[in-house]
C-alpha cells in the first residue's frame, strides 16, 4: 500500500511539473519549433502509391490501370458499386498494370480503390447508357 501511494505521489509531481513547464514555454518558441519540425518532415521524401487510370479507346469500355508502388508492399485493387464488390485483386511489387473491361457492367457509379499500407487511392467511375432514337418519315 505504501509503494502504491509513493508511486502515485511521484506520478502526480511529475505530471504537475510537466504541465507547469508546458504552460511557461513561450508561444513564440513553440511556433518556431513547430515550423522547423514541419520543414524537416516536409523535406523527408517518402515514396507514395500512385494510380493512373485511362481509357485508351473512347469507343470501348476498357480502362488501363497503372499502379506505381515504390515500396513494393502488398496492395489490393477493388472495384465496387455501393457495397457490392465486383473485383478484388491482391498485388505486390513496385509496378502493376492491367486492362479492365467494363463493357458487361451495368449502369451506375463505381469506385476503383487501390489500398496499400496506410495509403488509399480512390477513383470514381460512372457508367450511363444513352439511347438515341432517330425517327424519319419518307413520303413517296
N, C-alpha and C. Protein backbone atom coordinates (compact mmCIF):
# COMPACT_ATOMS: atom_id res chain seq x y z
N UNK A 1 0.83 -1.19 0.00
CA UNK A 1 0.00 0.00 0.00
C UNK A 1 0.87 1.25 0.00
N UNK A 2 1.97 1.22 0.79
CA UNK A 2 2.85 2.38 0.85
C UNK A 2 3.51 2.62 -0.51
N UNK A 3 3.90 1.53 -1.21
CA UNK A 3 4.54 1.70 -2.52
C UNK A 3 3.54 2.28 -3.51
N UNK A 4 2.31 1.85 -3.46
CA UNK A 4 1.29 2.37 -4.36
C UNK A 4 1.10 3.87 -4.14
N UNK A 5 1.04 4.31 -2.89
CA UNK A 5 0.87 5.71 -2.56
C UNK A 5 2.09 6.51 -3.00
N UNK A 6 3.28 5.96 -2.79
CA UNK A 6 4.51 6.64 -3.18
C UNK A 6 4.57 6.80 -4.70
N UNK A 7 4.25 5.76 -5.44
CA UNK A 7 4.26 5.82 -6.91
C UNK A 7 3.24 6.84 -7.41
N UNK A 8 2.05 6.84 -6.83
CA UNK A 8 1.02 7.79 -7.22
C UNK A 8 1.48 9.22 -6.96
N UNK A 9 2.13 9.46 -5.83
CA UNK A 9 2.64 10.79 -5.48
C UNK A 9 3.70 11.23 -6.49
N UNK A 10 4.61 10.33 -6.83
CA UNK A 10 5.66 10.67 -7.80
C UNK A 10 5.06 10.99 -9.17
N UNK A 11 4.08 10.22 -9.59
CA UNK A 11 3.42 10.47 -10.88
C UNK A 11 2.74 11.83 -10.87
N UNK A 12 2.07 12.17 -9.78
CA UNK A 12 1.40 13.47 -9.70
C UNK A 12 2.41 14.62 -9.73
N UNK A 13 3.54 14.48 -9.04
CA UNK A 13 4.57 15.53 -9.04
C UNK A 13 5.12 15.72 -10.44
N UNK A 14 5.43 14.62 -11.12
CA UNK A 14 5.97 14.70 -12.48
C UNK A 14 4.94 15.33 -13.42
N UNK A 15 3.68 14.95 -13.30
CA UNK A 15 2.63 15.49 -14.17
C UNK A 15 2.47 16.99 -13.95
N UNK A 16 2.43 17.44 -12.70
CA UNK A 16 2.29 18.87 -12.43
C UNK A 16 3.51 19.64 -12.89
N UNK A 17 4.71 19.07 -12.75
CA UNK A 17 5.93 19.73 -13.21
C UNK A 17 5.91 19.88 -14.73
N UNK A 18 5.50 18.84 -15.43
CA UNK A 18 5.45 18.89 -16.89
C UNK A 18 4.41 19.90 -17.36
N UNK A 19 3.26 19.95 -16.65
CA UNK A 19 2.21 20.89 -17.03
C UNK A 19 2.66 22.33 -16.81
N UNK A 20 3.31 22.60 -15.68
CA UNK A 20 3.76 23.97 -15.43
C UNK A 20 4.85 24.36 -16.41
N UNK A 21 5.73 23.41 -16.81
CA UNK A 21 6.75 23.70 -17.81
C UNK A 21 6.10 24.01 -19.16
N UNK A 22 5.10 23.24 -19.54
CA UNK A 22 4.43 23.45 -20.83
C UNK A 22 3.72 24.80 -20.85
N UNK A 23 3.14 25.20 -19.72
CA UNK A 23 2.44 26.48 -19.67
C UNK A 23 3.43 27.65 -19.72
N UNK A 24 4.63 27.46 -19.16
CA UNK A 24 5.59 28.55 -19.15
C UNK A 24 6.41 28.60 -20.44
N UNK A 25 6.29 27.58 -21.29
CA UNK A 25 7.01 27.53 -22.56
C UNK A 25 6.48 28.65 -23.44
N UNK A 26 7.33 29.52 -23.88
CA UNK A 26 6.94 30.72 -24.63
C UNK A 26 6.28 30.34 -25.96
N UNK A 27 5.12 30.97 -26.31
CA UNK A 27 4.42 30.63 -27.54
C UNK A 27 5.26 30.83 -28.80
N UNK A 28 6.13 31.83 -28.82
CA UNK A 28 6.96 32.07 -30.00
C UNK A 28 7.94 30.93 -30.21
N UNK A 29 8.49 30.42 -29.11
CA UNK A 29 9.42 29.31 -29.21
C UNK A 29 8.69 28.06 -29.70
N UNK A 30 7.46 27.84 -29.19
CA UNK A 30 6.67 26.70 -29.64
C UNK A 30 6.38 26.80 -31.13
N UNK A 31 6.03 28.00 -31.62
CA UNK A 31 5.73 28.21 -33.03
C UNK A 31 6.96 27.96 -33.89
N UNK A 32 8.11 28.48 -33.46
CA UNK A 32 9.34 28.27 -34.22
C UNK A 32 9.71 26.79 -34.27
N UNK A 33 9.54 26.11 -33.15
CA UNK A 33 9.83 24.68 -33.11
C UNK A 33 8.90 23.92 -34.05
N UNK A 34 7.61 24.26 -34.04
CA UNK A 34 6.65 23.60 -34.91
C UNK A 34 6.97 23.86 -36.38
N UNK A 35 7.38 25.10 -36.71
CA UNK A 35 7.72 25.42 -38.09
C UNK A 35 8.95 24.64 -38.54
N UNK A 36 9.96 24.54 -37.69
CA UNK A 36 11.16 23.78 -38.04
C UNK A 36 10.86 22.30 -38.18
N UNK A 37 10.01 21.79 -37.30
CA UNK A 37 9.63 20.38 -37.37
C UNK A 37 8.87 20.10 -38.66
N UNK A 38 7.93 20.99 -39.03
CA UNK A 38 7.19 20.81 -40.28
C UNK A 38 8.12 20.86 -41.49
N UNK A 39 9.07 21.79 -41.48
CA UNK A 39 10.03 21.89 -42.60
C UNK A 39 10.86 20.61 -42.70
N UNK A 40 11.26 20.06 -41.57
CA UNK A 40 12.04 18.82 -41.57
C UNK A 40 11.21 17.67 -42.11
N UNK A 41 9.97 17.56 -41.65
CA UNK A 41 9.11 16.47 -42.11
C UNK A 41 8.78 16.60 -43.59
N UNK A 42 8.61 17.85 -44.07
CA UNK A 42 8.34 18.06 -45.49
C UNK A 42 9.54 17.72 -46.36
N UNK A 43 10.74 17.89 -45.80
CA UNK A 43 11.95 17.65 -46.59
C UNK A 43 12.24 16.16 -46.74
N UNK A 44 11.68 15.35 -45.88
CA UNK A 44 11.89 13.90 -45.98
C UNK A 44 10.97 13.39 -47.08
N UNK A 45 11.57 12.95 -48.17
CA UNK A 45 10.76 12.50 -49.30
C UNK A 45 10.47 11.01 -49.13
N UNK A 46 9.21 10.70 -49.03
CA UNK A 46 8.80 9.31 -48.94
C UNK A 46 8.06 8.94 -50.21
N UNK A 47 8.34 7.79 -50.77
CA UNK A 47 7.63 7.38 -51.98
C UNK A 47 6.18 7.05 -51.66
N UNK A 48 5.30 7.45 -52.55
CA UNK A 48 3.87 7.23 -52.33
C UNK A 48 3.28 6.35 -53.42
N UNK A 49 2.18 5.75 -53.09
CA UNK A 49 1.39 4.95 -54.01
C UNK A 49 0.79 5.88 -55.06
N UNK A 50 0.97 5.57 -56.34
CA UNK A 50 0.40 6.38 -57.41
C UNK A 50 -0.43 5.49 -58.32
N UNK A 51 -1.59 6.01 -58.73
CA UNK A 51 -2.51 5.25 -59.58
C UNK A 51 -2.89 6.11 -60.77
N UNK A 52 -2.86 5.52 -61.95
CA UNK A 52 -3.25 6.21 -63.17
C UNK A 52 -4.26 5.32 -63.91
N UNK A 53 -5.44 5.87 -64.19
CA UNK A 53 -6.47 5.12 -64.90
C UNK A 53 -6.82 5.90 -66.15
N UNK A 54 -6.74 5.23 -67.31
CA UNK A 54 -7.02 5.87 -68.59
C UNK A 54 -7.89 4.97 -69.45
N UNK A 55 -8.63 5.60 -70.35
CA UNK A 55 -9.43 4.87 -71.33
C UNK A 55 -8.74 5.05 -72.69
N UNK A 56 -7.91 4.07 -73.11
CA UNK A 56 -7.14 4.24 -74.35
C UNK A 56 -8.00 4.48 -75.59
N UNK A 57 -9.12 3.78 -75.69
CA UNK A 57 -10.01 3.93 -76.84
C UNK A 57 -11.38 4.36 -76.33
N UNK A 58 -11.79 5.55 -76.68
CA UNK A 58 -13.06 6.10 -76.18
C UNK A 58 -14.28 5.35 -76.73
N UNK A 59 -14.08 4.48 -77.74
CA UNK A 59 -15.19 3.75 -78.34
C UNK A 59 -15.50 2.44 -77.63
N UNK A 60 -14.66 2.02 -76.69
CA UNK A 60 -14.99 0.81 -75.93
C UNK A 60 -14.85 1.07 -74.44
N UNK A 61 -15.24 0.14 -73.65
CA UNK A 61 -15.32 0.31 -72.19
C UNK A 61 -14.13 -0.33 -71.46
N UNK A 62 -12.96 -0.31 -72.10
CA UNK A 62 -11.77 -0.88 -71.47
C UNK A 62 -10.92 0.25 -70.90
N UNK A 63 -10.47 0.03 -69.66
CA UNK A 63 -9.66 1.03 -68.96
C UNK A 63 -8.34 0.41 -68.55
N UNK A 64 -7.28 1.17 -68.74
CA UNK A 64 -5.95 0.72 -68.33
C UNK A 64 -5.67 1.30 -66.95
N UNK A 65 -5.26 0.43 -66.04
CA UNK A 65 -4.90 0.87 -64.69
C UNK A 65 -3.41 0.59 -64.48
N UNK A 66 -2.68 1.62 -64.09
CA UNK A 66 -1.26 1.51 -63.78
C UNK A 66 -1.08 1.91 -62.33
N UNK A 67 -0.42 1.06 -61.57
CA UNK A 67 -0.15 1.33 -60.16
C UNK A 67 1.36 1.35 -59.95
N UNK A 68 1.85 2.44 -59.39
CA UNK A 68 3.25 2.54 -59.01
C UNK A 68 3.31 2.46 -57.49
N UNK A 69 3.94 1.41 -57.02
CA UNK A 69 4.03 1.13 -55.59
C UNK A 69 5.51 1.04 -55.23
N UNK A 70 6.19 2.20 -55.07
CA UNK A 70 7.65 2.22 -54.89
C UNK A 70 8.17 1.33 -53.76
N UNK A 71 7.38 1.16 -52.72
CA UNK A 71 7.82 0.31 -51.61
C UNK A 71 7.65 -1.17 -51.92
N UNK A 72 6.87 -1.49 -52.96
CA UNK A 72 6.65 -2.88 -53.35
C UNK A 72 5.84 -3.68 -52.35
N UNK A 73 5.15 -2.99 -51.48
CA UNK A 73 4.35 -3.67 -50.47
C UNK A 73 3.07 -4.24 -51.07
N UNK A 74 2.44 -5.06 -50.30
CA UNK A 74 1.15 -5.67 -50.67
C UNK A 74 0.11 -4.57 -50.88
N UNK A 75 -0.63 -4.65 -51.98
CA UNK A 75 -1.71 -3.70 -52.26
C UNK A 75 -2.92 -4.48 -52.73
N UNK A 76 -4.09 -3.90 -52.57
CA UNK A 76 -5.34 -4.53 -53.00
C UNK A 76 -6.06 -3.57 -53.92
N UNK A 77 -6.46 -4.07 -55.10
CA UNK A 77 -7.24 -3.29 -56.05
C UNK A 77 -8.66 -3.82 -56.00
N UNK A 78 -9.60 -2.91 -55.74
CA UNK A 78 -11.00 -3.29 -55.58
C UNK A 78 -11.88 -2.43 -56.48
N UNK A 79 -12.85 -3.06 -57.12
CA UNK A 79 -13.87 -2.34 -57.88
C UNK A 79 -15.19 -2.63 -57.18
N UNK A 80 -15.87 -1.55 -56.79
CA UNK A 80 -17.13 -1.76 -56.10
C UNK A 80 -18.17 -0.74 -56.54
N UNK A 81 -19.42 -1.15 -56.36
CA UNK A 81 -20.57 -0.28 -56.61
C UNK A 81 -21.39 -0.33 -55.34
N UNK A 82 -21.42 0.79 -54.65
CA UNK A 82 -22.01 0.89 -53.31
C UNK A 82 -21.33 -0.14 -52.41
N UNK A 83 -22.05 -1.11 -51.92
CA UNK A 83 -21.46 -2.13 -51.03
C UNK A 83 -21.10 -3.41 -51.77
N UNK A 84 -21.47 -3.52 -53.06
CA UNK A 84 -21.19 -4.72 -53.84
C UNK A 84 -19.77 -4.66 -54.40
N UNK A 85 -19.01 -5.73 -54.19
CA UNK A 85 -17.64 -5.80 -54.71
C UNK A 85 -17.66 -6.64 -55.98
N UNK A 86 -17.20 -6.04 -57.08
CA UNK A 86 -17.18 -6.72 -58.37
C UNK A 86 -15.82 -7.35 -58.66
N UNK A 87 -14.76 -6.82 -58.08
CA UNK A 87 -13.43 -7.38 -58.27
C UNK A 87 -12.56 -6.99 -57.09
N UNK A 88 -11.72 -7.92 -56.66
CA UNK A 88 -10.73 -7.62 -55.64
C UNK A 88 -9.50 -8.45 -55.97
N UNK A 89 -8.38 -7.77 -56.17
CA UNK A 89 -7.15 -8.45 -56.55
C UNK A 89 -6.00 -7.97 -55.68
N UNK A 90 -5.28 -8.93 -55.12
CA UNK A 90 -4.10 -8.61 -54.31
C UNK A 90 -2.87 -8.60 -55.22
N UNK A 91 -2.08 -7.56 -55.11
CA UNK A 91 -0.87 -7.43 -55.92
C UNK A 91 0.30 -7.01 -55.02
N UNK A 92 1.49 -7.29 -55.49
CA UNK A 92 2.68 -6.80 -54.80
C UNK A 92 3.74 -6.53 -55.85
N UNK A 93 4.72 -5.79 -55.46
CA UNK A 93 5.76 -5.40 -56.40
C UNK A 93 5.68 -3.91 -56.68
N UNK A 94 6.72 -3.36 -57.28
CA UNK A 94 6.75 -1.91 -57.48
C UNK A 94 5.86 -1.39 -58.60
N UNK A 95 5.48 -2.26 -59.57
CA UNK A 95 4.67 -1.81 -60.70
C UNK A 95 3.59 -2.85 -61.00
N UNK A 96 2.40 -2.36 -61.32
CA UNK A 96 1.29 -3.23 -61.72
C UNK A 96 0.56 -2.53 -62.85
N UNK A 97 0.19 -3.29 -63.89
CA UNK A 97 -0.59 -2.74 -65.00
C UNK A 97 -1.60 -3.79 -65.45
N UNK A 98 -2.80 -3.33 -65.79
CA UNK A 98 -3.84 -4.24 -66.23
C UNK A 98 -4.85 -3.49 -67.08
N UNK A 99 -5.59 -4.23 -67.89
CA UNK A 99 -6.66 -3.67 -68.70
C UNK A 99 -7.97 -4.20 -68.14
N UNK A 100 -8.82 -3.30 -67.67
CA UNK A 100 -10.10 -3.69 -67.07
C UNK A 100 -11.22 -3.46 -68.07
N UNK A 101 -12.06 -4.47 -68.25
CA UNK A 101 -13.16 -4.38 -69.20
C UNK A 101 -14.48 -4.14 -68.46
N UNK A 102 -15.06 -2.98 -68.69
CA UNK A 102 -16.32 -2.61 -68.03
C UNK A 102 -17.53 -2.79 -68.96
N UNK A 103 -17.35 -3.41 -70.11
CA UNK A 103 -18.44 -3.50 -71.10
C UNK A 103 -19.63 -4.31 -70.59
N UNK A 104 -19.41 -5.25 -69.69
CA UNK A 104 -20.51 -6.07 -69.18
C UNK A 104 -21.10 -5.53 -67.87
N UNK A 105 -20.57 -4.42 -67.40
CA UNK A 105 -21.05 -3.85 -66.13
C UNK A 105 -22.34 -3.07 -66.38
N UNK A 106 -23.24 -3.12 -65.42
CA UNK A 106 -24.49 -2.37 -65.55
C UNK A 106 -24.25 -0.90 -65.22
N UNK A 107 -25.19 -0.06 -65.60
CA UNK A 107 -25.08 1.37 -65.34
C UNK A 107 -25.00 1.64 -63.83
N UNK A 108 -24.26 2.67 -63.49
CA UNK A 108 -24.15 3.05 -62.09
C UNK A 108 -22.83 3.72 -61.79
N UNK A 109 -22.65 4.05 -60.54
CA UNK A 109 -21.44 4.71 -60.06
C UNK A 109 -20.55 3.67 -59.37
N UNK A 110 -19.32 3.58 -59.83
CA UNK A 110 -18.35 2.62 -59.32
C UNK A 110 -17.17 3.34 -58.69
N UNK A 111 -16.46 2.62 -57.85
CA UNK A 111 -15.22 3.11 -57.28
C UNK A 111 -14.13 2.09 -57.56
N UNK A 112 -12.99 2.60 -58.03
CA UNK A 112 -11.80 1.77 -58.17
C UNK A 112 -10.88 2.19 -57.03
N UNK A 113 -10.63 1.29 -56.12
CA UNK A 113 -9.87 1.60 -54.91
C UNK A 113 -8.57 0.80 -54.92
N UNK A 114 -7.46 1.50 -54.74
CA UNK A 114 -6.16 0.85 -54.59
C UNK A 114 -5.68 1.20 -53.18
N UNK A 115 -5.51 0.17 -52.36
CA UNK A 115 -5.10 0.38 -50.98
C UNK A 115 -3.82 -0.40 -50.72
N UNK A 116 -2.83 0.31 -50.21
CA UNK A 116 -1.55 -0.32 -49.87
C UNK A 116 -1.01 0.30 -48.60
N UNK A 117 -0.88 -0.49 -47.56
CA UNK A 117 -0.42 0.05 -46.28
C UNK A 117 -1.41 1.06 -45.75
N UNK A 118 -0.91 2.25 -45.39
CA UNK A 118 -1.77 3.31 -44.87
C UNK A 118 -2.34 4.18 -45.98
N UNK A 119 -1.90 3.94 -47.21
CA UNK A 119 -2.34 4.77 -48.33
C UNK A 119 -3.54 4.14 -49.03
N UNK A 120 -4.39 5.02 -49.56
CA UNK A 120 -5.59 4.57 -50.26
C UNK A 120 -5.90 5.59 -51.34
N UNK A 121 -6.01 5.12 -52.59
CA UNK A 121 -6.34 5.98 -53.71
C UNK A 121 -7.66 5.50 -54.27
N UNK A 122 -8.62 6.42 -54.36
CA UNK A 122 -9.97 6.08 -54.81
C UNK A 122 -10.32 6.91 -56.05
N UNK A 123 -10.76 6.23 -57.10
CA UNK A 123 -11.17 6.90 -58.33
C UNK A 123 -12.61 6.53 -58.62
N UNK A 124 -13.44 7.53 -58.90
CA UNK A 124 -14.85 7.29 -59.20
C UNK A 124 -15.05 7.14 -60.71
N UNK A 125 -15.95 6.26 -61.07
CA UNK A 125 -16.26 5.98 -62.47
C UNK A 125 -17.76 5.81 -62.60
N UNK A 126 -18.36 6.53 -63.53
CA UNK A 126 -19.81 6.44 -63.75
C UNK A 126 -20.08 5.84 -65.12
N UNK A 127 -20.98 4.88 -65.16
CA UNK A 127 -21.39 4.27 -66.42
C UNK A 127 -22.87 4.59 -66.61
N UNK A 128 -23.19 5.25 -67.71
CA UNK A 128 -24.57 5.60 -68.03
C UNK A 128 -24.80 5.35 -69.50
N UNK A 129 -25.81 4.57 -69.80
CA UNK A 129 -26.14 4.26 -71.18
C UNK A 129 -27.06 5.34 -71.72
N UNK A 130 -26.72 5.84 -72.90
CA UNK A 130 -27.57 6.82 -73.57
C UNK A 130 -28.11 6.18 -74.83
N UNK A 131 -29.39 6.30 -74.99
CA UNK A 131 -30.00 5.80 -76.23
C UNK A 131 -30.55 6.97 -77.00
N UNK A 132 -30.44 6.86 -78.30
CA UNK A 132 -30.90 7.95 -79.15
C UNK A 132 -31.83 7.34 -80.19
N UNK A 133 -32.97 7.97 -80.37
CA UNK A 133 -33.95 7.49 -81.33
C UNK A 133 -34.00 8.47 -82.50
N UNK A 134 -33.81 7.93 -83.68
CA UNK A 134 -33.94 8.73 -84.90
C UNK A 134 -35.15 8.23 -85.68
N UNK A 135 -36.18 9.00 -85.71
CA UNK A 135 -37.38 8.64 -86.47
C UNK A 135 -37.40 9.49 -87.73
N UNK A 136 -37.59 8.82 -88.82
CA UNK A 136 -37.63 9.54 -90.08
C UNK A 136 -38.90 9.18 -90.81
N UNK A 137 -39.40 10.16 -91.47
CA UNK A 137 -40.59 9.94 -92.29
C UNK A 137 -40.22 10.21 -93.74
N UNK A 138 -40.55 9.27 -94.60
CA UNK A 138 -40.28 9.44 -96.02
C UNK A 138 -41.60 9.37 -96.75
N UNK A 139 -41.87 10.36 -97.52
CA UNK A 139 -43.10 10.41 -98.29
C UNK A 139 -42.80 9.95 -99.71
N UNK A 140 -43.59 9.01 -100.21
CA UNK A 140 -43.38 8.50 -101.56
C UNK A 140 -44.47 8.94 -102.46
